[in-house]
Amino acid sequence: MIKPAALLNLAIFSVAAALACAAPAAAGPNIPKPPPDLANLEREVSLKIAHVRGEGPTDPVLRQKLHDAEHLDAKAEQEIGAGDFRSAEDDLVKANALATELAH
């Protein structure tokens, strides 16, 4: 069973992710849409990070890794908004590796 706090975190994060995805579209037609593979990777990474955050690692090393993954994910979202898809993909791959390591 999923903890209520984890569900709340996931709901908040999902809304934030949806707003972040909508922001580039609202910025104007000059910014191209990200490739579908990149959008799927961003969604996957965001969900993994939300899951790990819901588990609430207490070890300082694991918390730092979670912070690093969150930072890379946020940076990638900004890069996607700016149309820098290559940098976004690089950061998402790193964040995905950290989140996968933390999830196991």
N, C-alpha and C. Protein backbone atom coordinates (compact mmCIF):
# COMPACT_ATOMS: atom_id res chain seq x y z
N MET A 1 0.84 -1.18 0.00
CA MET A 1 0.00 0.00 0.00
C MET A 1 0.89 1.24 0.00
N ILE A 2 0.49 2.21 -0.74
CA ILE A 2 1.27 3.44 -0.84
C ILE A 2 0.90 4.35 0.33
N LYS A 3 1.92 4.95 0.90
CA LYS A 3 1.72 5.86 2.03
C LYS A 3 1.01 7.12 1.56
N PRO A 4 0.13 7.69 2.41
CA PRO A 4 -0.57 8.92 2.02
C PRO A 4 0.40 10.07 1.69
N ALA A 5 1.51 10.16 2.44
CA ALA A 5 2.47 11.23 2.17
C ALA A 5 3.09 11.05 0.79
N ALA A 6 3.33 9.80 0.40
CA ALA A 6 3.90 9.53 -0.92
C ALA A 6 2.91 9.92 -2.01
N LEU A 7 1.62 9.63 -1.79
CA LEU A 7 0.61 10.01 -2.77
C LEU A 7 0.51 11.53 -2.91
N LEU A 8 0.57 12.22 -1.78
CA LEU A 8 0.52 13.68 -1.82
C LEU A 8 1.72 14.24 -2.57
N ASN A 9 2.92 13.71 -2.26
CA ASN A 9 4.12 14.16 -2.97
C ASN A 9 4.01 13.91 -4.46
N LEU A 10 3.51 12.73 -4.82
CA LEU A 10 3.37 12.39 -6.24
C LEU A 10 2.37 13.31 -6.92
N ALA A 11 1.27 13.62 -6.23
CA ALA A 11 0.26 14.50 -6.80
C ALA A 11 0.81 15.91 -7.00
N ILE A 12 1.51 16.41 -6.01
CA ILE A 12 2.10 17.75 -6.12
C ILE A 12 3.12 17.79 -7.24
N PHE A 13 3.96 16.76 -7.29
CA PHE A 13 4.99 16.73 -8.32
C PHE A 13 4.37 16.61 -9.71
N SER A 14 3.31 15.82 -9.83
CA SER A 14 2.66 15.65 -11.13
C SER A 14 2.08 16.97 -11.63
N VAL A 15 1.48 17.73 -10.73
CA VAL A 15 0.93 19.03 -11.12
C VAL A 15 2.07 19.97 -11.54
N ALA A 16 3.16 19.96 -10.76
CA ALA A 16 4.30 20.81 -11.09
C ALA A 16 4.89 20.42 -12.44
N ALA A 17 5.00 19.12 -12.69
CA ALA A 17 5.55 18.66 -13.97
C ALA A 17 4.64 19.06 -15.12
N ALA A 18 3.33 18.95 -14.92
CA ALA A 18 2.39 19.33 -15.97
C ALA A 18 2.50 20.82 -16.27
N LEU A 19 2.63 21.62 -15.23
CA LEU A 19 2.78 23.06 -15.44
C LEU A 19 4.10 23.38 -16.13
N ALA A 20 5.15 22.67 -15.76
CA ALA A 20 6.45 22.90 -16.38
C ALA A 20 6.42 22.53 -17.86
N CYS A 21 5.70 21.47 -18.18
CA CYS A 21 5.58 21.07 -19.59
C CYS A 21 4.74 22.07 -20.38
N ALA A 22 3.76 22.68 -19.72
CA ALA A 22 2.90 23.64 -20.40
C ALA A 22 3.60 24.98 -20.58
N ALA A 23 4.53 25.30 -19.72
CA ALA A 23 5.19 26.60 -19.78
C ALA A 23 5.91 26.84 -21.11
N PRO A 24 6.69 25.86 -21.63
CA PRO A 24 7.33 26.12 -22.92
C PRO A 24 6.33 26.35 -24.04
N ALA A 25 5.21 25.65 -24.02
CA ALA A 25 4.22 25.84 -25.07
C ALA A 25 3.62 27.24 -25.00
N ALA A 26 3.47 27.75 -23.79
CA ALA A 26 2.92 29.09 -23.62
C ALA A 26 3.92 30.18 -23.98
N ALA A 27 5.21 29.82 -24.00
CA ALA A 27 6.25 30.81 -24.27
C ALA A 27 6.21 31.31 -25.70
N GLY A 28 5.70 30.50 -26.60
CA GLY A 28 5.60 30.96 -27.97
C GLY A 28 5.98 29.88 -28.95
N PRO A 29 5.72 30.13 -30.22
CA PRO A 29 5.95 29.11 -31.24
C PRO A 29 7.42 28.96 -31.61
N ASN A 30 8.31 29.82 -31.13
CA ASN A 30 9.71 29.75 -31.53
C ASN A 30 10.47 28.61 -30.87
N ILE A 31 9.93 28.05 -29.80
CA ILE A 31 10.60 26.97 -29.09
C ILE A 31 10.04 25.64 -29.59
N PRO A 32 10.90 24.79 -30.16
CA PRO A 32 10.41 23.51 -30.69
C PRO A 32 10.00 22.57 -29.56
N LYS A 33 9.11 21.65 -29.88
CA LYS A 33 8.69 20.65 -28.92
C LYS A 33 9.81 19.63 -28.76
N PRO A 34 9.98 19.11 -27.54
CA PRO A 34 11.02 18.09 -27.35
C PRO A 34 10.64 16.80 -28.07
N PRO A 35 11.64 16.04 -28.47
CA PRO A 35 11.35 14.74 -29.09
C PRO A 35 10.57 13.85 -28.12
N PRO A 36 9.72 12.97 -28.62
CA PRO A 36 8.92 12.12 -27.74
C PRO A 36 9.76 11.28 -26.77
N ASP A 37 10.91 10.78 -27.24
CA ASP A 37 11.77 9.98 -26.37
C ASP A 37 12.27 10.81 -25.19
N LEU A 38 12.59 12.06 -25.44
CA LEU A 38 13.06 12.94 -24.37
C LEU A 38 11.93 13.25 -23.39
N ALA A 39 10.74 13.48 -23.90
CA ALA A 39 9.59 13.74 -23.03
C ALA A 39 9.29 12.53 -22.16
N ASN A 40 9.39 11.33 -22.74
CA ASN A 40 9.16 10.11 -21.97
C ASN A 40 10.23 9.92 -20.90
N LEU A 41 11.48 10.20 -21.25
CA LEU A 41 12.57 10.09 -20.27
C LEU A 41 12.36 11.07 -19.13
N GLU A 42 11.95 12.28 -19.44
CA GLU A 42 11.72 13.28 -18.39
C GLU A 42 10.61 12.83 -17.46
N ARG A 43 9.56 12.28 -18.02
CA ARG A 43 8.44 11.79 -17.21
C ARG A 43 8.89 10.62 -16.33
N GLU A 44 9.66 9.70 -16.89
CA GLU A 44 10.15 8.54 -16.14
C GLU A 44 11.04 8.98 -14.97
N VAL A 45 11.96 9.90 -15.25
CA VAL A 45 12.86 10.38 -14.22
C VAL A 45 12.08 11.10 -13.12
N SER A 46 11.13 11.92 -13.50
CA SER A 46 10.34 12.65 -12.52
C SER A 46 9.57 11.70 -11.60
N LEU A 47 9.01 10.64 -12.18
CA LEU A 47 8.27 9.68 -11.37
C LEU A 47 9.19 8.91 -10.42
N LYS A 48 10.37 8.53 -10.91
CA LYS A 48 11.33 7.83 -10.05
C LYS A 48 11.76 8.72 -8.88
N ILE A 49 12.04 9.96 -9.19
CA ILE A 49 12.46 10.89 -8.13
C ILE A 49 11.33 11.09 -7.13
N ALA A 50 10.10 11.21 -7.60
CA ALA A 50 8.96 11.37 -6.69
C ALA A 50 8.81 10.15 -5.79
N HIS A 51 9.02 8.97 -6.36
CA HIS A 51 8.93 7.74 -5.57
C HIS A 51 10.01 7.71 -4.48
N VAL A 52 11.23 8.02 -4.87
CA VAL A 52 12.34 8.02 -3.89
C VAL A 52 12.08 9.08 -2.82
N ARG A 53 11.61 10.25 -3.23
CA ARG A 53 11.32 11.31 -2.27
C ARG A 53 10.24 10.86 -1.30
N GLY A 54 9.25 10.13 -1.79
CA GLY A 54 8.19 9.61 -0.94
C GLY A 54 8.69 8.60 0.08
N GLU A 55 9.72 7.86 -0.30
CA GLU A 55 10.32 6.90 0.63
C GLU A 55 11.12 7.63 1.72
N GLY A 56 11.60 8.82 1.40
CA GLY A 56 12.30 9.65 2.38
C GLY A 56 13.60 9.05 2.89
N PRO A 57 14.64 8.94 2.04
CA PRO A 57 15.91 8.40 2.53
C PRO A 57 16.44 9.25 3.69
N THR A 58 16.95 8.57 4.71
CA THR A 58 17.45 9.28 5.89
C THR A 58 18.97 9.34 5.92
N ASP A 59 19.61 8.47 5.20
CA ASP A 59 21.08 8.47 5.16
C ASP A 59 21.55 9.73 4.44
N PRO A 60 22.51 10.47 5.02
CA PRO A 60 22.97 11.73 4.39
C PRO A 60 23.51 11.54 2.97
N VAL A 61 24.18 10.44 2.72
CA VAL A 61 24.72 10.20 1.37
C VAL A 61 23.58 10.00 0.37
N LEU A 62 22.57 9.24 0.79
CA LEU A 62 21.43 9.01 -0.11
C LEU A 62 20.62 10.28 -0.31
N ARG A 63 20.48 11.07 0.74
CA ARG A 63 19.76 12.34 0.60
C ARG A 63 20.50 13.27 -0.37
N GLN A 64 21.82 13.27 -0.32
CA GLN A 64 22.59 14.11 -1.25
C GLN A 64 22.40 13.63 -2.69
N LYS A 65 22.37 12.31 -2.88
CA LYS A 65 22.13 11.78 -4.23
C LYS A 65 20.74 12.17 -4.72
N LEU A 66 19.75 12.13 -3.82
CA LEU A 66 18.40 12.55 -4.20
C LEU A 66 18.40 14.03 -4.58
N HIS A 67 19.10 14.84 -3.80
CA HIS A 67 19.20 16.27 -4.10
C HIS A 67 19.85 16.48 -5.47
N ASP A 68 20.92 15.73 -5.74
CA ASP A 68 21.61 15.85 -7.03
C ASP A 68 20.68 15.46 -8.19
N ALA A 69 19.92 14.38 -7.99
CA ALA A 69 18.98 13.94 -9.04
C ALA A 69 17.91 15.00 -9.27
N GLU A 70 17.38 15.57 -8.19
CA GLU A 70 16.36 16.62 -8.32
C GLU A 70 16.93 17.84 -9.04
N HIS A 71 18.16 18.20 -8.71
CA HIS A 71 18.80 19.35 -9.35
C HIS A 71 18.97 19.11 -10.85
N LEU A 72 19.45 17.91 -11.21
CA LEU A 72 19.62 17.60 -12.63
C LEU A 72 18.29 17.58 -13.37
N ASP A 73 17.24 17.07 -12.72
CA ASP A 73 15.91 17.04 -13.34
C ASP A 73 15.39 18.46 -13.57
N ALA A 74 15.55 19.30 -12.57
CA ALA A 74 15.10 20.70 -12.71
C ALA A 74 15.90 21.42 -13.80
N LYS A 75 17.19 21.17 -13.83
CA LYS A 75 18.04 21.79 -14.86
C LYS A 75 17.60 21.33 -16.25
N ALA A 76 17.29 20.03 -16.37
CA ALA A 76 16.85 19.49 -17.66
C ALA A 76 15.53 20.12 -18.09
N GLU A 77 14.63 20.35 -17.15
CA GLU A 77 13.36 21.00 -17.50
C GLU A 77 13.60 22.40 -18.05
N GLN A 78 14.54 23.13 -17.44
CA GLN A 78 14.87 24.46 -17.96
C GLN A 78 15.48 24.36 -19.35
N GLU A 79 16.34 23.36 -19.55
CA GLU A 79 16.99 23.19 -20.85
C GLU A 79 15.96 22.81 -21.92
N ILE A 80 15.00 21.99 -21.55
CA ILE A 80 13.93 21.64 -22.49
C ILE A 80 13.16 22.90 -22.87
N GLY A 81 12.85 23.72 -21.88
CA GLY A 81 12.14 24.97 -22.14
C GLY A 81 12.90 25.91 -23.05
N ALA A 82 14.23 25.83 -22.97
CA ALA A 82 15.07 26.69 -23.80
C ALA A 82 15.38 26.05 -25.16
N GLY A 83 14.92 24.81 -25.35
CA GLY A 83 15.18 24.13 -26.62
C GLY A 83 16.52 23.43 -26.70
N ASP A 84 17.25 23.34 -25.58
CA ASP A 84 18.56 22.68 -25.54
C ASP A 84 18.35 21.21 -25.19
N PHE A 85 17.88 20.44 -26.15
CA PHE A 85 17.48 19.06 -25.91
C PHE A 85 18.66 18.14 -25.63
N ARG A 86 19.79 18.40 -26.24
CA ARG A 86 20.96 17.54 -26.02
C ARG A 86 21.43 17.64 -24.58
N SER A 87 21.55 18.84 -24.06
CA SER A 87 21.96 19.02 -22.66
C SER A 87 20.91 18.44 -21.71
N ALA A 88 19.65 18.63 -22.04
CA ALA A 88 18.57 18.09 -21.22
C ALA A 88 18.65 16.58 -21.15
N GLU A 89 18.91 15.95 -22.29
CA GLU A 89 19.01 14.49 -22.31
C GLU A 89 20.20 14.02 -21.46
N ASP A 90 21.33 14.69 -21.58
CA ASP A 90 22.51 14.33 -20.78
C ASP A 90 22.18 14.41 -19.28
N ASP A 91 21.53 15.50 -18.87
CA ASP A 91 21.20 15.66 -17.46
C ASP A 91 20.16 14.65 -17.00
N LEU A 92 19.20 14.34 -17.86
CA LEU A 92 18.18 13.36 -17.49
C LEU A 92 18.76 11.95 -17.37
N VAL A 93 19.71 11.63 -18.22
CA VAL A 93 20.36 10.31 -18.12
C VAL A 93 21.09 10.20 -16.78
N LYS A 94 21.78 11.26 -16.38
CA LYS A 94 22.48 11.26 -15.09
C LYS A 94 21.48 11.17 -13.93
N ALA A 95 20.42 11.95 -14.01
CA ALA A 95 19.40 11.93 -12.96
C ALA A 95 18.72 10.57 -12.89
N ASN A 96 18.49 9.96 -14.04
CA ASN A 96 17.87 8.64 -14.08
C ASN A 96 18.76 7.60 -13.41
N ALA A 97 20.05 7.68 -13.66
CA ALA A 97 20.99 6.74 -13.03
C ALA A 97 20.95 6.88 -11.51
N LEU A 98 20.96 8.12 -11.03
CA LEU A 98 20.90 8.35 -9.58
C LEU A 98 19.58 7.86 -9.00
N ALA A 99 18.47 8.19 -9.65
CA ALA A 99 17.16 7.79 -9.14
C ALA A 99 17.00 6.27 -9.15
N THR A 100 17.52 5.62 -10.19
CA THR A 100 17.44 4.15 -10.26
C THR A 100 18.25 3.53 -9.14
N GLU A 101 19.42 4.08 -8.89
CA GLU A 101 20.27 3.58 -7.80
C GLU A 101 19.57 3.76 -6.45
N LEU A 102 18.92 4.88 -6.26
CA LEU A 102 18.23 5.14 -4.99
C LEU A 102 16.97 4.29 -4.82
N ALA A 103 16.34 3.94 -5.92
CA ALA A 103 15.10 3.17 -5.85
C ALA A 103 15.33 1.71 -5.49
N HIS A 104 16.56 1.25 -5.59
CA HIS A 104 16.85 -0.17 -5.29
C HIS A 104 17.49 -0.35 -3.96
